[in-house]
Protein backbone atom coordinates (compact mmCIF):
# COMPACT_ATOMS: atom_id res chain seq x y z
CA UNK A 1 -0.03 0.02 0.23
CA UNK A 2 1.31 3.31 -0.94
CA UNK A 3 1.90 5.80 1.68
CA UNK A 4 1.23 9.41 1.19
CA UNK A 5 1.70 12.52 3.36
CA UNK A 6 -0.12 15.75 2.72
CA UNK A 7 1.27 18.72 4.41
CA UNK A 8 -1.46 21.79 4.12
CA UNK A 9 -2.90 24.10 6.84
CA UNK A 10 -6.42 23.75 5.11
CA UNK A 11 -8.40 20.81 6.57
CA UNK A 12 -10.42 20.74 3.25
CA UNK A 13 -7.45 19.98 1.36
CA UNK A 14 -6.29 17.14 3.79
CA UNK A 15 -9.70 15.81 3.85
CA UNK A 16 -9.95 16.01 0.06
CA UNK A 17 -6.90 13.78 -0.36
CA UNK A 18 -7.88 11.44 2.14
CA UNK A 19 -11.55 11.10 0.63
CA UNK A 20 -10.07 10.64 -2.77
CA UNK A 21 -7.06 8.43 -2.15
CA UNK A 22 -8.29 5.92 0.78
CA UNK A 23 -10.75 4.37 -1.07
CA UNK A 24 -8.44 3.56 -4.10
CA UNK A 25 -5.70 1.67 -1.96
CA UNK A 26 -3.68 4.78 -0.53
CA UNK A 27 -2.83 5.39 3.13
CA UNK A 28 -2.99 8.89 3.54
CA UNK A 29 -1.17 10.91 6.53
CA UNK A 30 -1.73 14.61 7.19
CA UNK A 31 0.00 17.33 8.77
CA UNK A 32 -1.08 20.89 9.60
CA UNK A 33 2.08 22.61 8.69
CA UNK A 34 5.88 22.23 7.53
CA UNK A 35 7.09 21.73 11.12
CA UNK A 36 4.65 18.96 11.53
CA UNK A 37 5.53 17.48 8.31
CA UNK A 38 8.92 17.36 8.92
CA UNK A 39 8.57 15.41 12.18
CA UNK A 40 6.40 12.93 10.34
CA UNK A 41 9.27 12.53 7.64
CA UNK A 42 11.96 12.16 10.48
CA UNK A 43 9.64 9.23 11.96
CA UNK A 44 8.27 7.50 8.65
CA UNK A 45 8.83 7.11 4.97
CA UNK A 46 6.50 8.11 2.57
CA UNK A 47 6.05 7.21 -1.19
CA UNK A 48 4.92 10.67 -2.27
CA UNK A 49 4.78 14.11 -0.12
CA UNK A 50 2.30 16.72 -1.33
CA UNK A 51 3.22 19.89 0.20
CA UNK A 52 1.59 23.41 0.32
CA UNK A 53 3.49 26.65 -0.19
CA UNK A 54 1.75 29.02 2.33
CA UNK A 55 1.64 27.46 5.86
CA UNK A 56 2.11 29.00 9.27
CA UNK A 57 4.95 28.18 11.39
CA UNK A 58 6.88 26.89 8.36
CA UNK A 59 6.34 27.77 4.77
CA UNK A 60 6.44 24.82 2.09
CA UNK A 61 9.95 25.87 0.55
CA UNK A 62 11.62 25.98 3.68
CA UNK A 63 9.95 22.33 4.66
CA UNK A 64 10.94 21.25 1.12
CA UNK A 65 14.45 21.82 1.85
CA UNK A 66 14.66 19.92 4.97
CA UNK A 67 12.71 17.12 3.60
CA UNK A 68 15.40 16.77 0.96
CA UNK A 69 18.23 17.25 3.33
CA UNK A 70 16.70 14.42 5.49
CA UNK A 71 15.59 12.08 2.27
CA UNK A 72 17.22 13.14 -0.91
CA UNK A 73 15.24 10.86 -2.93
CA UNK A 74 11.85 11.76 -1.47
CA UNK A 75 9.22 12.68 -4.29
CA UNK A 76 7.78 15.98 -3.12
CA UNK A 77 4.87 17.64 -5.12
CA UNK A 78 4.57 21.24 -4.06
CA UNK A 79 1.35 23.28 -4.42
CA UNK A 80 0.32 26.83 -4.23
CA UNK A 81 -2.96 28.62 -4.29
CA UNK A 82 -2.00 31.05 -7.17
CA UNK A 83 -0.62 30.11 -10.66
CA UNK A 84 2.47 31.65 -12.04
CA UNK A 85 2.50 32.38 -15.72
CA UNK A 86 6.13 32.82 -15.97
CA UNK A 87 7.06 29.47 -14.10
CA UNK A 88 9.22 31.31 -11.48
CA UNK A 89 7.60 29.59 -8.81
CA UNK A 90 7.76 26.43 -10.64
CA UNK A 91 11.28 26.76 -11.35
CA UNK A 92 12.34 27.45 -8.08
CA UNK A 93 10.60 24.55 -6.58
CA UNK A 94 12.29 22.28 -8.73
CA UNK A 95 15.62 23.65 -8.00
CA UNK A 96 14.99 22.93 -4.21
CA UNK A 97 14.26 19.34 -5.41
CA UNK A 98 10.50 19.34 -5.80
CA UNK A 99 9.17 16.72 -8.34
CA UNK A 100 6.46 18.81 -10.01
CA UNK A 101 4.02 21.93 -8.81
CA UNK A 102 0.28 21.92 -8.97
CA UNK A 103 -1.83 24.89 -8.47
CA UNK A 104 -5.22 25.10 -6.48
CA UNK A 105 -7.81 24.24 -7.17
CA UNK A 106 -6.20 20.90 -7.48
CA UNK A 107 -7.32 18.76 -10.70
CA UNK A 108 -8.32 15.17 -9.31
CA UNK A 109 -7.28 13.54 -12.27
CA UNK A 110 -3.87 15.17 -12.09
CA UNK A 111 -3.36 14.00 -8.54
CA UNK A 112 -3.58 10.10 -9.73
CA UNK A 113 -1.54 10.89 -12.92
CA UNK A 114 1.45 12.38 -10.62
CA UNK A 115 1.16 9.67 -8.15
CA UNK A 116 1.55 6.99 -11.11
CA UNK A 117 4.23 8.82 -12.84
CA UNK A 118 6.06 9.42 -9.50
CA UNK A 119 6.07 5.70 -8.89
CA UNK A 120 7.94 4.95 -12.12
CA UNK A 121 10.37 7.92 -11.41
CA UNK A 122 11.12 6.74 -7.90
CA UNK A 123 11.77 3.15 -9.12
CA UNK A 124 14.54 4.84 -11.57
CA UNK A 125 16.15 6.72 -8.56
CA UNK A 126 16.36 3.35 -6.44
């Protein structure tokens, strides 16, 4: 069973991921912010992490840096509530080690596609 961590300060987003993924055979864990997400990464391994950018206590980019230091091959998808037509945000996130970027509202089909593609990507890194 694939283990997925969703780090987002919005309860609705965390609930959405659980609602969508758990009936499809995924084990979904959630964290309220970057600090909580990092603590979870220190204690457990995840197949993929979905990480919001704008959160209290620790924003997504800072959490991403630490997650990649702890687990360099960890697949992390970062998402934001604002799209960036110049792709500045996306390029910066990828420089920090993000697998890809999503923009809210998140497309449900895109979530499943990313999970599927990241599995193939991860197999190539192992």
